[in-house]
Amino acid sequence: MKIITANRASAILFWFLKKFSDGAYLLPANICPIVPLTFLKAKVKFQFVDIEPKNYCIDRNMVLDMLKTNPRK
């Protein structure tokens, strides 16, 4: 296990994306704006997924449909 420290969580996310990312990510539509900005800066693909109005979490059915349609993205 490796411990990583930084002044901001976005710096850790950026480091992780640059080091380990080779595909696209699904992000909930209601995520903090710094997260997709970090993905853009790291030049990592992502796609927004709508949220469930009942609990404001990512819509699991939509995620499953997206994964079935594009399993390699």
PDB file of N, CA and C in Angstrom:
ATOM      1  N   MET A   1       0.848  -1.172   0.000  1.00  0.00           N
ATOM      2  CA  MET A   1       0.000   0.000   0.000  1.00  0.00           C
ATOM      3  C   MET A   1       0.890   1.231   0.000  1.00  0.00           C
ATOM      4  N   LYS A   2       0.443   2.237  -0.744  1.00  0.00           N
ATOM      5  CA  LYS A   2       1.191   3.479  -0.835  1.00  0.00           C
ATOM      6  C   LYS A   2       0.330   4.615  -0.284  1.00  0.00           C
ATOM      7  N   ILE A   3       0.901   5.431   0.565  1.00  0.00           N
ATOM      8  CA  ILE A   3       0.191   6.581   1.118  1.00  0.00           C
ATOM      9  C   ILE A   3       0.555   7.800   0.288  1.00  0.00           C
ATOM     10  N   ILE A   4      -0.484   8.513  -0.124  1.00  0.00           N
ATOM     11  CA  ILE A   4      -0.294   9.709  -0.942  1.00  0.00           C
ATOM     12  C   ILE A   4      -0.856  10.894  -0.174  1.00  0.00           C
ATOM     13  N   THR A   5      -0.115  11.972  -0.154  1.00  0.00           N
ATOM     14  CA  THR A   5      -0.601  13.186   0.501  1.00  0.00           C
ATOM     15  C   THR A   5      -0.522  14.352  -0.476  1.00  0.00           C
ATOM     16  N   ALA A   6      -1.420  15.303  -0.286  1.00  0.00           N
ATOM     17  CA  ALA A   6      -1.441  16.516  -1.101  1.00  0.00           C
ATOM     18  C   ALA A   6      -2.269  17.556  -0.364  1.00  0.00           C
ATOM     19  N   ASN A   7      -2.139  18.790  -0.791  1.00  0.00           N
ATOM     20  CA  ASN A   7      -2.909  19.867  -0.168  1.00  0.00           C
ATOM     21  C   ASN A   7      -4.388  19.801  -0.531  1.00  0.00           C
ATOM     22  N   ARG A   8      -4.687  19.245  -1.695  1.00  0.00           N
ATOM     23  CA  ARG A   8      -6.073  19.169  -2.153  1.00  0.00           C
ATOM     24  C   ARG A   8      -6.370  17.772  -2.677  1.00  0.00           C
ATOM     25  N   ALA A   9      -7.605  17.327  -2.482  1.00  0.00           N
ATOM     26  CA  ALA A   9      -8.012  16.011  -2.988  1.00  0.00           C
ATOM     27  C   ALA A   9      -7.926  15.959  -4.508  1.00  0.00           C
ATOM     28  N   SER A  10      -8.162  17.089  -5.168  1.00  0.00           N
ATOM     29  CA  SER A  10      -8.089  17.102  -6.631  1.00  0.00           C
ATOM     30  C   SER A  10      -6.678  16.789  -7.125  1.00  0.00           C
ATOM     31  N   ALA A  11      -5.670  17.140  -6.361  1.00  0.00           N
ATOM     32  CA  ALA A  11      -4.291  16.816  -6.739  1.00  0.00           C
ATOM     33  C   ALA A  11      -4.060  15.310  -6.675  1.00  0.00           C
ATOM     34  N   ILE A  12      -4.628  14.661  -5.680  1.00  0.00           N
ATOM     35  CA  ILE A  12      -4.513  13.203  -5.573  1.00  0.00           C
ATOM     36  C   ILE A  12      -5.277  12.537  -6.710  1.00  0.00           C
ATOM     37  N   LEU A  13      -6.475  13.036  -7.000  1.00  0.00           N
ATOM     38  CA  LEU A  13      -7.259  12.501  -8.111  1.00  0.00           C
ATOM     39  C   LEU A  13      -6.505  12.661  -9.423  1.00  0.00           C
ATOM     40  N   PHE A  14      -5.913  13.818  -9.650  1.00  0.00           N
ATOM     41  CA  PHE A  14      -5.144  14.062 -10.872  1.00  0.00           C
ATOM     42  C   PHE A  14      -3.993  13.064 -10.982  1.00  0.00           C
ATOM     43  N   TRP A  15      -3.256  12.873  -9.899  1.00  0.00           N
ATOM     44  CA  TRP A  15      -2.137  11.925  -9.893  1.00  0.00           C
ATOM     45  C   TRP A  15      -2.620  10.516 -10.236  1.00  0.00           C
ATOM     46  N   PHE A  16      -3.728  10.101  -9.605  1.00  0.00           N
ATOM     47  CA  PHE A  16      -4.279   8.773  -9.852  1.00  0.00           C
ATOM     48  C   PHE A  16      -4.690   8.618 -11.313  1.00  0.00           C
ATOM     49  N   LEU A  17      -5.394   9.603 -11.847  1.00  0.00           N
ATOM     50  CA  LEU A  17      -5.862   9.530 -13.230  1.00  0.00           C
ATOM     51  C   LEU A  17      -4.700   9.450 -14.211  1.00  0.00           C
ATOM     52  N   LYS A  18      -3.672  10.242 -13.991  1.00  0.00           N
ATOM     53  CA  LYS A  18      -2.515  10.229 -14.889  1.00  0.00           C
ATOM     54  C   LYS A  18      -1.759   8.903 -14.814  1.00  0.00           C
ATOM     55  N   LYS A  19      -1.725   8.315 -13.649  1.00  0.00           N
ATOM     56  CA  LYS A  19      -0.925   7.096 -13.459  1.00  0.00           C
ATOM     57  C   LYS A  19      -1.669   5.814 -13.844  1.00  0.00           C
ATOM     58  N   PHE A  20      -2.957   5.746 -13.560  1.00  0.00           N
ATOM     59  CA  PHE A  20      -3.675   4.482 -13.693  1.00  0.00           C
ATOM     60  C   PHE A  20      -4.813   4.472 -14.707  1.00  0.00           C
ATOM     61  N   SER A  21      -5.150   5.578 -15.303  1.00  0.00           N
ATOM     62  CA  SER A  21      -6.335   5.628 -16.145  1.00  0.00           C
ATOM     63  C   SER A  21      -6.019   5.249 -17.582  1.00  0.00           C
ATOM     64  N   ASP A  22      -6.808   4.319 -18.105  1.00  0.00           N
ATOM     65  CA  ASP A  22      -6.676   3.980 -19.515  1.00  0.00           C
ATOM     66  C   ASP A  22      -8.037   3.819 -20.179  1.00  0.00           C
ATOM     67  N   GLY A  23      -9.080   4.262 -19.517  1.00  0.00           N
ATOM     68  CA  GLY A  23     -10.424   4.161 -20.070  1.00  0.00           C
ATOM     69  C   GLY A  23     -11.230   5.391 -19.722  1.00  0.00           C
ATOM     70  N   ALA A  24     -12.527   5.251 -19.812  1.00  0.00           N
ATOM     71  CA  ALA A  24     -13.432   6.351 -19.493  1.00  0.00           C
ATOM     72  C   ALA A  24     -14.134   6.064 -18.164  1.00  0.00           C
ATOM     73  N   TYR A  25     -14.614   7.101 -17.536  1.00  0.00           N
ATOM     74  CA  TYR A  25     -15.292   6.998 -16.248  1.00  0.00           C
ATOM     75  C   TYR A  25     -16.702   7.541 -16.365  1.00  0.00           C
ATOM     76  N   LEU A  26     -17.598   7.013 -15.548  1.00  0.00           N
ATOM     77  CA  LEU A  26     -18.954   7.534 -15.432  1.00  0.00           C
ATOM     78  C   LEU A  26     -19.030   8.339 -14.145  1.00  0.00           C
ATOM     79  N   LEU A  27     -19.482   9.585 -14.269  1.00  0.00           N
ATOM     80  CA  LEU A  27     -19.580  10.479 -13.112  1.00  0.00           C
ATOM     81  C   LEU A  27     -21.032  10.877 -12.897  1.00  0.00           C
ATOM     82  N   PRO A  28     -21.486  10.956 -11.650  1.00  0.00           N
ATOM     83  CA  PRO A  28     -22.845  11.428 -11.407  1.00  0.00           C
ATOM     84  C   PRO A  28     -22.973  12.899 -11.804  1.00  0.00           C
ATOM     85  N   ALA A  29     -24.134  13.245 -12.322  1.00  0.00           N
ATOM     86  CA  ALA A  29     -24.352  14.600 -12.833  1.00  0.00           C
ATOM     87  C   ALA A  29     -24.278  15.667 -11.745  1.00  0.00           C
ATOM     88  N   ASN A  30     -24.469  15.292 -10.497  1.00  0.00           N
ATOM     89  CA  ASN A  30     -24.479  16.278  -9.414  1.00  0.00           C
ATOM     90  C   ASN A  30     -23.149  16.354  -8.668  1.00  0.00           C
ATOM     91  N   ILE A  31     -22.079  15.973  -9.308  1.00  0.00           N
ATOM     92  CA  ILE A  31     -20.764  15.938  -8.661  1.00  0.00           C
ATOM     93  C   ILE A  31     -20.180  17.352  -8.550  1.00  0.00           C
ATOM     94  N   CYS A  32     -19.302  17.538  -7.600  1.00  0.00           N
ATOM     95  CA  CYS A  32     -18.616  18.819  -7.421  1.00  0.00           C
ATOM     96  C   CYS A  32     -17.877  19.191  -8.712  1.00  0.00           C
ATOM     97  N   PRO A  33     -17.950  20.435  -9.160  1.00  0.00           N
ATOM     98  CA  PRO A  33     -17.345  20.837 -10.436  1.00  0.00           C
ATOM     99  C   PRO A  33     -15.839  20.596 -10.540  1.00  0.00           C
ATOM    100  N   ILE A  34     -15.132  20.567  -9.434  1.00  0.00           N
ATOM    101  CA  ILE A  34     -13.678  20.371  -9.505  1.00  0.00           C
ATOM    102  C   ILE A  34     -13.325  18.980 -10.024  1.00  0.00           C
ATOM    103  N   VAL A  35     -14.212  18.005  -9.820  1.00  0.00           N
ATOM    104  CA  VAL A  35     -13.915  16.630 -10.254  1.00  0.00           C
ATOM    105  C   VAL A  35     -13.846  16.530 -11.776  1.00  0.00           C
ATOM    106  N   PRO A  36     -14.889  16.938 -12.531  1.00  0.00           N
ATOM    107  CA  PRO A  36     -14.748  16.863 -13.991  1.00  0.00           C
ATOM    108  C   PRO A  36     -13.645  17.785 -14.522  1.00  0.00           C
ATOM    109  N   LEU A  37     -13.399  18.896 -13.853  1.00  0.00           N
ATOM    110  CA  LEU A  37     -12.299  19.767 -14.278  1.00  0.00           C
ATOM    111  C   LEU A  37     -10.956  19.057 -14.133  1.00  0.00           C
ATOM    112  N   THR A  38     -10.821  18.266 -13.087  1.00  0.00           N
ATOM    113  CA  THR A  38      -9.596  17.486 -12.894  1.00  0.00           C
ATOM    114  C   THR A  38      -9.462  16.426 -13.982  1.00  0.00           C
ATOM    115  N   PHE A  39     -10.563  15.794 -14.354  1.00  0.00           N
ATOM    116  CA  PHE A  39     -10.538  14.826 -15.452  1.00  0.00           C
ATOM    117  C   PHE A  39     -10.115  15.510 -16.751  1.00  0.00           C
ATOM    118  N   LEU A  40     -10.653  16.691 -17.016  1.00  0.00           N
ATOM    119  CA  LEU A  40     -10.282  17.427 -18.231  1.00  0.00           C
ATOM    120  C   LEU A  40      -8.802  17.776 -18.228  1.00  0.00           C
ATOM    121  N   LYS A  41      -8.311  18.247 -17.103  1.00  0.00           N
ATOM    122  CA  LYS A  41      -6.898  18.616 -17.005  1.00  0.00           C
ATOM    123  C   LYS A  41      -5.991  17.402 -17.198  1.00  0.00           C
ATOM    124  N   ALA A  42      -6.429  16.241 -16.705  1.00  0.00           N
ATOM    125  CA  ALA A  42      -5.651  15.008 -16.849  1.00  0.00           C
ATOM    126  C   ALA A  42      -5.846  14.370 -18.227  1.00  0.00           C
ATOM    127  N   LYS A  43      -6.748  14.947 -19.023  1.00  0.00           N
ATOM    128  CA  LYS A  43      -7.069  14.428 -20.365  1.00  0.00           C
ATOM    129  C   LYS A  43      -7.593  12.994 -20.303  1.00  0.00           C
ATOM    130  N   VAL A  44      -8.489  12.764 -19.354  1.00  0.00           N
ATOM    131  CA  VAL A  44      -9.123  11.460 -19.174  1.00  0.00           C
ATOM    132  C   VAL A  44     -10.600  11.597 -19.541  1.00  0.00           C
ATOM    133  N   LYS A  45     -11.097  10.652 -20.320  1.00  0.00           N
ATOM    134  CA  LYS A  45     -12.488  10.701 -20.774  1.00  0.00           C
ATOM    135  C   LYS A  45     -13.445  10.383 -19.629  1.00  0.00           C
ATOM    136  N   PHE A  46     -14.590  11.054 -19.681  1.00  0.00           N
ATOM    137  CA  PHE A  46     -15.648  10.784 -18.709  1.00  0.00           C
ATOM    138  C   PHE A  46     -16.980  11.112 -19.345  1.00  0.00           C
ATOM    139  N   GLN A  47     -18.025  10.589 -18.739  1.00  0.00           N
ATOM    140  CA  GLN A  47     -19.378  10.867 -19.204  1.00  0.00           C
ATOM    141  C   GLN A  47     -20.258  11.045 -17.978  1.00  0.00           C
ATOM    142  N   PHE A  48     -21.125  12.031 -18.032  1.00  0.00           N
ATOM    143  CA  PHE A  48     -22.042  12.259 -16.918  1.00  0.00           C
ATOM    144  C   PHE A  48     -23.209  11.280 -16.989  1.00  0.00           C
ATOM    145  N   VAL A  49     -23.665  10.861 -15.820  1.00  0.00           N
ATOM    146  CA  VAL A  49     -24.832   9.996 -15.699  1.00  0.00           C
ATOM    147  C   VAL A  49     -25.829  10.710 -14.799  1.00  0.00           C
ATOM    148  N   ASP A  50     -27.088  10.669 -15.191  1.00  0.00           N
ATOM    149  CA  ASP A  50     -28.132  11.324 -14.407  1.00  0.00           C
ATOM    150  C   ASP A  50     -28.228  10.694 -13.016  1.00  0.00           C
ATOM    151  N   ILE A  51     -28.906  11.394 -12.136  1.00  0.00           N
ATOM    152  CA  ILE A  51     -29.070  10.910 -10.764  1.00  0.00           C
ATOM    153  C   ILE A  51     -30.511  10.465 -10.532  1.00  0.00           C
ATOM    154  N   GLU A  52     -30.697   9.649  -9.503  1.00  0.00           N
ATOM    155  CA  GLU A  52     -32.035   9.215  -9.121  1.00  0.00           C
ATOM    156  C   GLU A  52     -32.655  10.292  -8.233  1.00  0.00           C
ATOM    157  N   PRO A  53     -33.836  10.780  -8.584  1.00  0.00           N
ATOM    158  CA  PRO A  53     -34.448  11.860  -7.802  1.00  0.00           C
ATOM    159  C   PRO A  53     -34.803  11.460  -6.371  1.00  0.00           C
ATOM    160  N   LYS A  54     -34.982  10.173  -6.120  1.00  0.00           N
ATOM    161  CA  LYS A  54     -35.361   9.730  -4.774  1.00  0.00           C
ATOM    162  C   LYS A  54     -34.229   9.877  -3.769  1.00  0.00           C
ATOM    163  N   ASN A  55     -32.989   9.622  -4.223  1.00  0.00           N
ATOM    164  CA  ASN A  55     -31.878   9.622  -3.270  1.00  0.00           C
ATOM    165  C   ASN A  55     -30.667  10.451  -3.717  1.00  0.00           C
ATOM    166  N   TYR A  56     -30.757  11.067  -4.871  1.00  0.00           N
ATOM    167  CA  TYR A  56     -29.687  11.914  -5.423  1.00  0.00           C
ATOM    168  C   TYR A  56     -28.378  11.160  -5.666  1.00  0.00           C
ATOM    169  N   CYS A  57     -28.464   9.834  -5.797  1.00  0.00           N
ATOM    170  CA  CYS A  57     -27.293   9.022  -6.140  1.00  0.00           C
ATOM    171  C   CYS A  57     -27.304   8.741  -7.635  1.00  0.00           C
ATOM    172  N   ILE A  58     -26.176   8.293  -8.146  1.00  0.00           N
ATOM    173  CA  ILE A  58     -26.079   7.973  -9.562  1.00  0.00           C
ATOM    174  C   ILE A  58     -27.144   6.929  -9.917  1.00  0.00           C
ATOM    175  N   ASP A  59     -27.759   7.085 -11.071  1.00  0.00           N
ATOM    176  CA  ASP A  59     -28.820   6.186 -11.519  1.00  0.00           C
ATOM    177  C   ASP A  59     -28.204   4.849 -11.941  1.00  0.00           C
ATOM    178  N   ARG A  60     -28.365   3.835 -11.114  1.00  0.00           N
ATOM    179  CA  ARG A  60     -27.734   2.532 -11.365  1.00  0.00           C
ATOM    180  C   ARG A  60     -28.229   1.887 -12.649  1.00  0.00           C
ATOM    181  N   ASN A  61     -29.513   2.034 -12.951  1.00  0.00           N
ATOM    182  CA  ASN A  61     -30.050   1.448 -14.183  1.00  0.00           C
ATOM    183  C   ASN A  61     -29.423   2.093 -15.412  1.00  0.00           C
ATOM    184  N   MET A  62     -29.242   3.395 -15.353  1.00  0.00           N
ATOM    185  CA  MET A  62     -28.612   4.097 -16.464  1.00  0.00           C
ATOM    186  C   MET A  62     -27.151   3.656 -16.619  1.00  0.00           C
ATOM    187  N   VAL A  63     -26.465   3.476 -15.507  1.00  0.00           N
ATOM    188  CA  VAL A  63     -25.075   3.009 -15.547  1.00  0.00           C
ATOM    189  C   VAL A  63     -25.005   1.633 -16.199  1.00  0.00           C
ATOM    190  N   LEU A  64     -25.867   0.722 -15.775  1.00  0.00           N
ATOM    191  CA  LEU A  64     -25.865  -0.626 -16.345  1.00  0.00           C
ATOM    192  C   LEU A  64     -26.170  -0.600 -17.834  1.00  0.00           C
ATOM    193  N   ASP A  65     -27.122   0.233 -18.244  1.00  0.00           N
ATOM    194  CA  ASP A  65     -27.435   0.363 -19.672  1.00  0.00           C
ATOM    195  C   ASP A  65     -26.235   0.889 -20.452  1.00  0.00           C
ATOM    196  N   MET A  66     -25.549   1.864 -19.890  1.00  0.00           N
ATOM    197  CA  MET A  66     -24.375   2.434 -20.563  1.00  0.00           C
ATOM    198  C   MET A  66     -23.257   1.401 -20.673  1.00  0.00           C
ATOM    199  N   LEU A  67     -23.079   0.609 -19.632  1.00  0.00           N
ATOM    200  CA  LEU A  67     -22.038  -0.421 -19.660  1.00  0.00           C
ATOM    201  C   LEU A  67     -22.375  -1.538 -20.644  1.00  0.00           C
ATOM    202  N   LYS A  68     -23.651  -1.866 -20.776  1.00  0.00           N
ATOM    203  CA  LYS A  68     -24.061  -2.879 -21.755  1.00  0.00           C
ATOM    204  C   LYS A  68     -23.849  -2.380 -23.177  1.00  0.00           C
ATOM    205  N   THR A  69     -24.133  -1.105 -23.397  1.00  0.00           N
ATOM    206  CA  THR A  69     -23.997  -0.516 -24.728  1.00  0.00           C
ATOM    207  C   THR A  69     -22.538  -0.344 -25.124  1.00  0.00           C
ATOM    208  N   ASN A  70     -21.708   0.111 -24.191  1.00  0.00           N
ATOM    209  CA  ASN A  70     -20.290   0.379 -24.462  1.00  0.00           C
ATOM    210  C   ASN A  70     -19.416  -0.259 -23.386  1.00  0.00           C
ATOM    211  N   PRO A  71     -19.284  -1.579 -23.370  1.00  0.00           N
ATOM    212  CA  PRO A  71     -18.556  -2.231 -22.274  1.00  0.00           C
ATOM    213  C   PRO A  71     -17.066  -1.910 -22.230  1.00  0.00           C
ATOM    214  N   ARG A  72     -16.482  -1.507 -23.329  1.00  0.00           N
ATOM    215  CA  ARG A  72     -15.029  -1.277 -23.357  1.00  0.00           C
ATOM    216  C   ARG A  72     -14.644   0.165 -23.117  1.00  0.00           C
ATOM    217  N   LYS A  73     -15.598   1.055 -23.038  1.00  0.00           N
ATOM    218  CA  LYS A  73     -15.284   2.458 -22.777  1.00  0.00           C
ATOM    219  C   LYS A  73     -14.974   2.581 -21.356  1.00  0.00           C
TER     220      LYS A  73
END
